[in-house]
Amino acid sequence: AVLAILLGRGVDALLTLLPMLVGVGYGLILARRRDAS
């Protein structure tokens, strides 16, 4: 049952949540620059 989670949602997380969180990080940098100006 644990393996099923890793094989399904684990791979989904790799392809979706990892890049999304990295994207959020760059969005925060842009927001900081916006707010500074």
PDB file of all heavy atoms in Angstrom:
ATOM      1  N   ALA A   1       0.836  -1.199   0.000  1.00  0.00           N
ATOM      2  CA  ALA A   1       0.000   0.000   0.000  1.00  0.00           C
ATOM      3  C   ALA A   1       0.875   1.255   0.000  1.00  0.00           C
ATOM      4  O   ALA A   1       0.582   2.239  -0.685  1.00  0.00           O
ATOM      5  CB  ALA A   1      -0.934  -0.006   1.207  1.00  0.00           C
ATOM      6  N   VAL A   2       1.971   1.223   0.763  1.00  0.00           N
ATOM      7  CA  VAL A   2       2.906   2.346   0.781  1.00  0.00           C
ATOM      8  C   VAL A   2       3.580   2.495  -0.578  1.00  0.00           C
ATOM      9  O   VAL A   2       3.736   3.609  -1.090  1.00  0.00           O
ATOM     10  CB  VAL A   2       3.952   2.149   1.892  1.00  0.00           C
ATOM     11  CG1 VAL A   2       5.010   3.244   1.827  1.00  0.00           C
ATOM     12  CG2 VAL A   2       3.288   2.136   3.259  1.00  0.00           C
ATOM     13  N   LEU A   3       3.966   1.367  -1.176  1.00  0.00           N
ATOM     14  CA  LEU A   3       4.577   1.422  -2.506  1.00  0.00           C
ATOM     15  C   LEU A   3       3.622   2.014  -3.532  1.00  0.00           C
ATOM     16  O   LEU A   3       4.042   2.746  -4.436  1.00  0.00           O
ATOM     17  CB  LEU A   3       5.017   0.023  -2.940  1.00  0.00           C
ATOM     18  CG  LEU A   3       6.255  -0.547  -2.250  1.00  0.00           C
ATOM     19  CD1 LEU A   3       6.496  -1.980  -2.708  1.00  0.00           C
ATOM     20  CD2 LEU A   3       7.477   0.313  -2.526  1.00  0.00           C
ATOM     21  N   ALA A   4       2.332   1.708  -3.396  1.00  0.00           N
ATOM     22  CA  ALA A   4       1.343   2.255  -4.327  1.00  0.00           C
ATOM     23  C   ALA A   4       1.319   3.778  -4.248  1.00  0.00           C
ATOM     24  O   ALA A   4       1.172   4.469  -5.260  1.00  0.00           O
ATOM     25  CB  ALA A   4      -0.036   1.678  -4.036  1.00  0.00           C
ATOM     26  N   ILE A   5       1.463   4.309  -3.030  1.00  0.00           N
ATOM     27  CA  ILE A   5       1.505   5.763  -2.873  1.00  0.00           C
ATOM     28  C   ILE A   5       2.730   6.332  -3.593  1.00  0.00           C
ATOM     29  O   ILE A   5       2.639   7.325  -4.332  1.00  0.00           O
ATOM     30  CB  ILE A   5       1.544   6.144  -1.382  1.00  0.00           C
ATOM     31  CG1 ILE A   5       0.254   5.692  -0.681  1.00  0.00           C
ATOM     32  CG2 ILE A   5       1.723   7.650  -1.225  1.00  0.00           C
ATOM     33  CD1 ILE A   5       0.270   5.918   0.814  1.00  0.00           C
ATOM     34  N   LEU A   6       3.873   5.707  -3.390  1.00  0.00           N
ATOM     35  CA  LEU A   6       5.101   6.205  -4.004  1.00  0.00           C
ATOM     36  C   LEU A   6       5.056   6.098  -5.521  1.00  0.00           C
ATOM     37  O   LEU A   6       5.499   7.011  -6.233  1.00  0.00           O
ATOM     38  CB  LEU A   6       6.296   5.429  -3.455  1.00  0.00           C
ATOM     39  CG  LEU A   6       6.574   5.577  -1.955  1.00  0.00           C
ATOM     40  CD1 LEU A   6       7.722   4.671  -1.533  1.00  0.00           C
ATOM     41  CD2 LEU A   6       6.870   7.025  -1.598  1.00  0.00           C
ATOM     42  N   LEU A   7       4.521   4.978  -6.028  1.00  0.00           N
ATOM     43  CA  LEU A   7       4.481   4.765  -7.475  1.00  0.00           C
ATOM     44  C   LEU A   7       3.516   5.718  -8.165  1.00  0.00           C
ATOM     45  O   LEU A   7       3.728   6.084  -9.330  1.00  0.00           O
ATOM     46  CB  LEU A   7       4.072   3.326  -7.774  1.00  0.00           C
ATOM     47  CG  LEU A   7       5.026   2.226  -7.292  1.00  0.00           C
ATOM     48  CD1 LEU A   7       4.407   0.859  -7.530  1.00  0.00           C
ATOM     49  CD2 LEU A   7       6.364   2.338  -8.001  1.00  0.00           C
ATOM     50  N   GLY A   8       2.448   6.075  -7.478  1.00  0.00           N
ATOM     51  CA  GLY A   8       1.457   6.957  -8.068  1.00  0.00           C
ATOM     52  C   GLY A   8       1.666   8.400  -7.679  1.00  0.00           C
ATOM     53  O   GLY A   8       2.219   9.213  -8.426  1.00  0.00           O
ATOM     54  N   ARG A   9       1.275   8.727  -6.461  1.00  0.00           N
ATOM     55  CA  ARG A   9       1.341  10.126  -6.025  1.00  0.00           C
ATOM     56  C   ARG A   9       2.772  10.605  -5.831  1.00  0.00           C
ATOM     57  O   ARG A   9       3.047  11.803  -5.944  1.00  0.00           O
ATOM     58  CB  ARG A   9       0.522  10.290  -4.750  1.00  0.00           C
ATOM     59  CG  ARG A   9      -0.976  10.158  -5.000  1.00  0.00           C
ATOM     60  CD  ARG A   9      -1.775  10.261  -3.714  1.00  0.00           C
ATOM     61  NE  ARG A   9      -3.206  10.321  -3.986  1.00  0.00           N
ATOM     62  CZ  ARG A   9      -3.974   9.243  -4.159  1.00  0.00           C
ATOM     63  NH1 ARG A   9      -3.429   8.030  -4.080  1.00  0.00           N
ATOM     64  NH2 ARG A   9      -5.261   9.371  -4.408  1.00  0.00           N
ATOM     65  N   GLY A  10       3.695   9.698  -5.527  1.00  0.00           N
ATOM     66  CA  GLY A  10       5.084  10.112  -5.405  1.00  0.00           C
ATOM     67  C   GLY A  10       5.641  10.635  -6.710  1.00  0.00           C
ATOM     68  O   GLY A  10       6.311  11.679  -6.752  1.00  0.00           O
ATOM     69  N   VAL A  11       5.367   9.922  -7.798  1.00  0.00           N
ATOM     70  CA  VAL A  11       5.811  10.382  -9.116  1.00  0.00           C
ATOM     71  C   VAL A  11       5.065  11.649  -9.512  1.00  0.00           C
ATOM     72  O   VAL A  11       5.658  12.583 -10.078  1.00  0.00           O
ATOM     73  CB  VAL A  11       5.609   9.270 -10.164  1.00  0.00           C
ATOM     74  CG1 VAL A  11       5.954   9.775 -11.566  1.00  0.00           C
ATOM     75  CG2 VAL A  11       6.454   8.051  -9.811  1.00  0.00           C
ATOM     76  N   ASP A  12       3.767  11.712  -9.206  1.00  0.00           N
ATOM     77  CA  ASP A  12       2.999  12.926  -9.499  1.00  0.00           C
ATOM     78  C   ASP A  12       3.610  14.134  -8.800  1.00  0.00           C
ATOM     79  O   ASP A  12       3.723  15.222  -9.384  1.00  0.00           O
ATOM     80  CB  ASP A  12       1.544  12.761  -9.045  1.00  0.00           C
ATOM     81  CG  ASP A  12       0.783  11.743  -9.877  1.00  0.00           C
ATOM     82  OD1 ASP A  12       1.189  11.495 -11.033  1.00  0.00           O
ATOM     83  OD2 ASP A  12      -0.202  11.176  -9.369  1.00  0.00           O
ATOM     84  N   ALA A  13       3.997  13.947  -7.529  1.00  0.00           N
ATOM     85  CA  ALA A  13       4.589  15.052  -6.774  1.00  0.00           C
ATOM     86  C   ALA A  13       5.897  15.511  -7.402  1.00  0.00           C
ATOM     87  O   ALA A  13       6.191  16.712  -7.471  1.00  0.00           O
ATOM     88  CB  ALA A  13       4.809  14.630  -5.320  1.00  0.00           C
ATOM     89  N   LEU A  14       6.695  14.557  -7.878  1.00  0.00           N
ATOM     90  CA  LEU A  14       7.956  14.907  -8.523  1.00  0.00           C
ATOM     91  C   LEU A  14       7.723  15.778  -9.750  1.00  0.00           C
ATOM     92  O   LEU A  14       8.454  16.749  -9.985  1.00  0.00           O
ATOM     93  CB  LEU A  14       8.697  13.630  -8.920  1.00  0.00           C
ATOM     94  CG  LEU A  14      10.009  13.807  -9.690  1.00  0.00           C
ATOM     95  CD1 LEU A  14      11.055  14.457  -8.801  1.00  0.00           C
ATOM     96  CD2 LEU A  14      10.505  12.466 -10.218  1.00  0.00           C
ATOM     97  N   LEU A  15       6.694  15.443 -10.522  1.00  0.00           N
ATOM     98  CA  LEU A  15       6.443  16.149 -11.780  1.00  0.00           C
ATOM     99  C   LEU A  15       5.630  17.429 -11.598  1.00  0.00           C
ATOM    100  O   LEU A  15       5.598  18.260 -12.511  1.00  0.00           O
ATOM    101  CB  LEU A  15       5.713  15.221 -12.759  1.00  0.00           C
ATOM    102  CG  LEU A  15       6.485  13.973 -13.200  1.00  0.00           C
ATOM    103  CD1 LEU A  15       5.602  13.090 -14.071  1.00  0.00           C
ATOM    104  CD2 LEU A  15       7.754  14.345 -13.949  1.00  0.00           C
ATOM    105  N   THR A  16       4.965  17.590 -10.469  1.00  0.00           N
ATOM    106  CA  THR A  16       4.107  18.764 -10.279  1.00  0.00           C
ATOM    107  C   THR A  16       4.560  19.650  -9.124  1.00  0.00           C
ATOM    108  O   THR A  16       4.826  20.836  -9.297  1.00  0.00           O
ATOM    109  CB  THR A  16       2.645  18.339 -10.039  1.00  0.00           C
ATOM    110  OG1 THR A  16       2.563  17.507  -8.861  1.00  0.00           O
ATOM    111  CG2 THR A  16       2.084  17.590 -11.233  1.00  0.00           C
ATOM    112  N   LEU A  17       4.653  19.091  -7.920  1.00  0.00           N
ATOM    113  CA  LEU A  17       4.914  19.921  -6.746  1.00  0.00           C
ATOM    114  C   LEU A  17       6.341  20.441  -6.698  1.00  0.00           C
ATOM    115  O   LEU A  17       6.573  21.584  -6.288  1.00  0.00           O
ATOM    116  CB  LEU A  17       4.590  19.139  -5.471  1.00  0.00           C
ATOM    117  CG  LEU A  17       3.125  18.705  -5.319  1.00  0.00           C
ATOM    118  CD1 LEU A  17       2.890  18.089  -3.956  1.00  0.00           C
ATOM    119  CD2 LEU A  17       2.181  19.882  -5.544  1.00  0.00           C
ATOM    120  N   LEU A  18       7.307  19.609  -7.101  1.00  0.00           N
ATOM    121  CA  LEU A  18       8.688  20.102  -7.117  1.00  0.00           C
ATOM    122  C   LEU A  18       8.830  21.335  -8.001  1.00  0.00           C
ATOM    123  O   LEU A  18       9.309  22.384  -7.531  1.00  0.00           O
ATOM    124  CB  LEU A  18       9.635  18.986  -7.561  1.00  0.00           C
ATOM    125  CG  LEU A  18      11.086  19.421  -7.819  1.00  0.00           C
ATOM    126  CD1 LEU A  18      11.728  19.956  -6.550  1.00  0.00           C
ATOM    127  CD2 LEU A  18      11.909  18.278  -8.415  1.00  0.00           C
ATOM    128  N   PRO A  19       8.446  21.283  -9.282  1.00  0.00           N
ATOM    129  CA  PRO A  19       8.592  22.497 -10.097  1.00  0.00           C
ATOM    130  C   PRO A  19       7.701  23.637  -9.624  1.00  0.00           C
ATOM    131  O   PRO A  19       8.082  24.806  -9.749  1.00  0.00           O
ATOM    132  CB  PRO A  19       8.218  22.026 -11.511  1.00  0.00           C
ATOM    133  CG  PRO A  19       7.443  20.775 -11.324  1.00  0.00           C
ATOM    134  CD  PRO A  19       7.988  20.131 -10.103  1.00  0.00           C
ATOM    135  N   MET A  20       6.530  23.317  -9.072  1.00  0.00           N
ATOM    136  CA  MET A  20       5.649  24.387  -8.604  1.00  0.00           C
ATOM    137  C   MET A  20       6.297  25.145  -7.452  1.00  0.00           C
ATOM    138  O   MET A  20       6.261  26.392  -7.407  1.00  0.00           O
ATOM    139  CB  MET A  20       4.299  23.814  -8.169  1.00  0.00           C
ATOM    140  CG  MET A  20       3.294  24.878  -7.737  1.00  0.00           C
ATOM    141  SD  MET A  20       1.651  24.201  -7.453  1.00  0.00           S
ATOM    142  CE  MET A  20       1.164  23.832  -9.147  1.00  0.00           C
ATOM    143  N   LEU A  21       6.893  24.438  -6.508  1.00  0.00           N
ATOM    144  CA  LEU A  21       7.530  25.102  -5.381  1.00  0.00           C
ATOM    145  C   LEU A  21       8.742  25.909  -5.824  1.00  0.00           C
ATOM    146  O   LEU A  21       9.002  27.005  -5.308  1.00  0.00           O
ATOM    147  CB  LEU A  21       7.922  24.067  -4.325  1.00  0.00           C
ATOM    148  CG  LEU A  21       6.749  23.415  -3.591  1.00  0.00           C
ATOM    149  CD1 LEU A  21       7.231  22.278  -2.702  1.00  0.00           C
ATOM    150  CD2 LEU A  21       5.984  24.446  -2.772  1.00  0.00           C
ATOM    151  N   VAL A  22       9.500  25.378  -6.773  1.00  0.00           N
ATOM    152  CA  VAL A  22      10.625  26.146  -7.312  1.00  0.00           C
ATOM    153  C   VAL A  22      10.102  27.403  -8.008  1.00  0.00           C
ATOM    154  O   VAL A  22      10.661  28.502  -7.852  1.00  0.00           O
ATOM    155  CB  VAL A  22      11.456  25.287  -8.285  1.00  0.00           C
ATOM    156  CG1 VAL A  22      12.470  26.141  -9.043  1.00  0.00           C
ATOM    157  CG2 VAL A  22      12.168  24.174  -7.525  1.00  0.00           C
ATOM    158  N   GLY A  23       9.016  27.259  -8.753  1.00  0.00           N
ATOM    159  CA  GLY A  23       8.418  28.428  -9.392  1.00  0.00           C
ATOM    160  C   GLY A  23       7.961  29.461  -8.384  1.00  0.00           C
ATOM    161  O   GLY A  23       8.147  30.674  -8.592  1.00  0.00           O
ATOM    162  N   VAL A  24       7.378  29.010  -7.277  1.00  0.00           N
ATOM    163  CA  VAL A  24       6.969  29.940  -6.223  1.00  0.00           C
ATOM    164  C   VAL A  24       8.170  30.729  -5.724  1.00  0.00           C
ATOM    165  O   VAL A  24       8.096  31.947  -5.497  1.00  0.00           O
ATOM    166  CB  VAL A  24       6.295  29.183  -5.059  1.00  0.00           C
ATOM    167  CG1 VAL A  24       6.126  30.106  -3.846  1.00  0.00           C
ATOM    168  CG2 VAL A  24       4.939  28.657  -5.473  1.00  0.00           C
ATOM    169  N   GLY A  25       9.305  30.036  -5.549  1.00  0.00           N
ATOM    170  CA  GLY A  25      10.508  30.725  -5.076  1.00  0.00           C
ATOM    171  C   GLY A  25      10.903  31.875  -5.996  1.00  0.00           C
ATOM    172  O   GLY A  25      11.212  32.982  -5.527  1.00  0.00           O
ATOM    173  N   TYR A  26      10.876  31.633  -7.292  1.00  0.00           N
ATOM    174  CA  TYR A  26      11.227  32.707  -8.224  1.00  0.00           C
ATOM    175  C   TYR A  26      10.143  33.774  -8.267  1.00  0.00           C
ATOM    176  O   TYR A  26      10.439  34.967  -8.446  1.00  0.00           O
ATOM    177  CB  TYR A  26      11.491  32.129  -9.609  1.00  0.00           C
ATOM    178  CG  TYR A  26      12.832  31.437  -9.681  1.00  0.00           C
ATOM    179  CD1 TYR A  26      12.926  30.054  -9.654  1.00  0.00           C
ATOM    180  CD2 TYR A  26      14.001  32.177  -9.747  1.00  0.00           C
ATOM    181  CE1 TYR A  26      14.157  29.415  -9.699  1.00  0.00           C
ATOM    182  CE2 TYR A  26      15.244  31.548  -9.794  1.00  0.00           C
ATOM    183  CZ  TYR A  26      15.309  30.165  -9.758  1.00  0.00           C
ATOM    184  OH  TYR A  26      16.533  29.548  -9.785  1.00  0.00           O
ATOM    185  N   GLY A  27       8.890  33.382  -8.082  1.00  0.00           N
ATOM    186  CA  GLY A  27       7.827  34.376  -8.010  1.00  0.00           C
ATOM    187  C   GLY A  27       7.994  35.295  -6.809  1.00  0.00           C
ATOM    188  O   GLY A  27       7.727  36.505  -6.891  1.00  0.00           O
ATOM    189  N   LEU A  28       8.452  34.748  -5.690  1.00  0.00           N
ATOM    190  CA  LEU A  28       8.692  35.575  -4.504  1.00  0.00           C
ATOM    191  C   LEU A  28       9.832  36.565  -4.737  1.00  0.00           C
ATOM    192  O   LEU A  28       9.786  37.704  -4.252  1.00  0.00           O
ATOM    193  CB  LEU A  28       9.009  34.677  -3.309  1.00  0.00           C
ATOM    194  CG  LEU A  28       7.846  33.820  -2.784  1.00  0.00           C
ATOM    195  CD1 LEU A  28       8.319  32.911  -1.669  1.00  0.00           C
ATOM    196  CD2 LEU A  28       6.706  34.703  -2.297  1.00  0.00           C
ATOM    197  N   ILE A  29      10.850  36.137  -5.465  1.00  0.00           N
ATOM    198  CA  ILE A  29      11.941  37.060  -5.794  1.00  0.00           C
ATOM    199  C   ILE A  29      11.418  38.224  -6.622  1.00  0.00           C
ATOM    200  O   ILE A  29      11.736  39.400  -6.373  1.00  0.00           O
ATOM    201  CB  ILE A  29      13.060  36.317  -6.544  1.00  0.00           C
ATOM    202  CG1 ILE A  29      13.765  35.332  -5.614  1.00  0.00           C
ATOM    203  CG2 ILE A  29      14.064  37.309  -7.121  1.00  0.00           C
ATOM    204  CD1 ILE A  29      14.804  34.482  -6.311  1.00  0.00           C
ATOM    205  N   LEU A  30      10.599  37.911  -7.624  1.00  0.00           N
ATOM    206  CA  LEU A  30      10.020  38.969  -8.457  1.00  0.00           C
ATOM    207  C   LEU A  30       9.116  39.884  -7.631  1.00  0.00           C
ATOM    208  O   LEU A  30       9.105  41.112  -7.826  1.00  0.00           O
ATOM    209  CB  LEU A  30       9.234  38.347  -9.610  1.00  0.00           C
ATOM    210  CG  LEU A  30      10.056  37.571 -10.640  1.00  0.00           C
ATOM    211  CD1 LEU A  30       9.135  36.892 -11.656  1.00  0.00           C
ATOM    212  CD2 LEU A  30      11.041  38.494 -11.348  1.00  0.00           C
ATOM    213  N   ALA A  31       8.356  39.294  -6.726  1.00  0.00           N
ATOM    214  CA  ALA A  31       7.467  40.105  -5.879  1.00  0.00           C
ATOM    215  C   ALA A  31       8.283  41.023  -4.974  1.00  0.00           C
ATOM    216  O   ALA A  31       7.903  42.184  -4.735  1.00  0.00           O
ATOM    217  CB  ALA A  31       6.572  39.190  -5.042  1.00  0.00           C
ATOM    218  N   ARG A  32       9.401  40.506  -4.452  1.00  0.00           N
ATOM    219  CA  ARG A  32      10.234  41.329  -3.589  1.00  0.00           C
ATOM    220  C   ARG A  32      10.772  42.529  -4.353  1.00  0.00           C
ATOM    221  O   ARG A  32      10.797  43.659  -3.852  1.00  0.00           O
ATOM    222  CB  ARG A  32      11.381  40.490  -3.046  1.00  0.00           C
ATOM    223  CG  ARG A  32      12.241  41.232  -2.014  1.00  0.00           C
ATOM    224  CD  ARG A  32      13.411  40.397  -1.558  1.00  0.00           C
ATOM    225  NE  ARG A  32      14.445  40.321  -2.581  1.00  0.00           N
ATOM    226  CZ  ARG A  32      14.886  39.204  -3.132  1.00  0.00           C
ATOM    227  NH1 ARG A  32      14.367  38.046  -2.766  1.00  0.00           N
ATOM    228  NH2 ARG A  32      15.839  39.224  -4.042  1.00  0.00           N
ATOM    229  N   ARG A  33      11.213  42.296  -5.587  1.00  0.00           N
ATOM    230  CA  ARG A  33      11.721  43.396  -6.405  1.00  0.00           C
ATOM    231  C   ARG A  33      10.613  44.393  -6.730  1.00  0.00           C
ATOM    232  O   ARG A  33      10.828  45.606  -6.736  1.00  0.00           O
ATOM    233  CB  ARG A  33      12.347  42.848  -7.673  1.00  0.00           C
ATOM    234  CG  ARG A  33      13.617  42.038  -7.414  1.00  0.00           C
ATOM    235  CD  ARG A  33      14.168  41.443  -8.693  1.00  0.00           C
ATOM    236  NE  ARG A  33      15.401  40.700  -8.443  1.00  0.00           N
ATOM    237  CZ  ARG A  33      16.047  39.998  -9.357  1.00  0.00           C
ATOM    238  NH1 ARG A  33      15.560  39.954 -10.608  1.00  0.00           N
ATOM    239  NH2 ARG A  33      17.160  39.363  -9.046  1.00  0.00           N
ATOM    240  N   ARG A  34       9.443  43.860  -7.013  1.00  0.00           N
ATOM    241  CA  ARG A  34       8.297  44.743  -7.287  1.00  0.00           C
ATOM    242  C   ARG A  34       7.981  45.611  -6.092  1.00  0.00           C
ATOM    243  O   ARG A  34       7.782  46.826  -6.212  1.00  0.00           O
ATOM    244  CB  ARG A  34       7.088  43.897  -7.669  1.00  0.00           C
ATOM    245  CG  ARG A  34       5.794  44.674  -7.887  1.00  0.00           C
ATOM    246  CD  ARG A  34       4.602  43.732  -7.818  1.00  0.00           C
ATOM    247  NE  ARG A  34       4.495  43.139  -6.487  1.00  0.00           N
ATOM    248  CZ  ARG A  34       3.850  41.996  -6.227  1.00  0.00           C
ATOM    249  NH1 ARG A  34       3.305  41.322  -7.219  1.00  0.00           N
ATOM    250  NH2 ARG A  34       3.789  41.537  -5.000  1.00  0.00           N
ATOM    251  N   ASP A  35       7.950  44.981  -4.914  1.00  0.00           N
ATOM    252  CA  ASP A  35       7.583  45.721  -3.717  1.00  0.00           C
ATOM    253  C   ASP A  35       8.670  46.699  -3.306  1.00  0.00           C
ATOM    254  O   ASP A  35       8.397  47.726  -2.690  1.00  0.00           O
ATOM    255  CB  ASP A  35       7.315  44.751  -2.561  1.00  0.00           C
ATOM    256  CG  ASP A  35       6.053  43.932  -2.794  1.00  0.00           C
ATOM    257  OD1 ASP A  35       5.265  44.307  -3.686  1.00  0.00           O
ATOM    258  OD2 ASP A  35       5.852  42.930  -2.084  1.00  0.00           O
ATOM    259  N   ALA A  36       9.921  46.384  -3.660  1.00  0.00           N
ATOM    260  CA  ALA A  36      11.001  47.313  -3.338  1.00  0.00           C
ATOM    261  C   ALA A  36      10.882  48.589  -4.147  1.00  0.00           C
ATOM    262  O   ALA A  36      11.214  49.677  -3.680  1.00  0.00           O
ATOM    263  CB  ALA A  36      12.352  46.654  -3.597  1.00  0.00           C
ATOM    264  N   SER A  37      10.383  48.453  -5.385  1.00  0.00           N
ATOM    265  CA  SER A  37      10.235  49.635  -6.232  1.00  0.00           C
ATOM    266  C   SER A  37       8.902  50.334  -6.019  1.00  0.00           C
ATOM    267  O   SER A  37       8.790  51.529  -6.247  1.00  0.00           O
ATOM    268  CB  SER A  37      10.368  49.242  -7.709  1.00  0.00           C
ATOM    269  OG  SER A  37       9.353  48.304  -8.050  1.00  0.00           O
TER     270      SER A  37
END
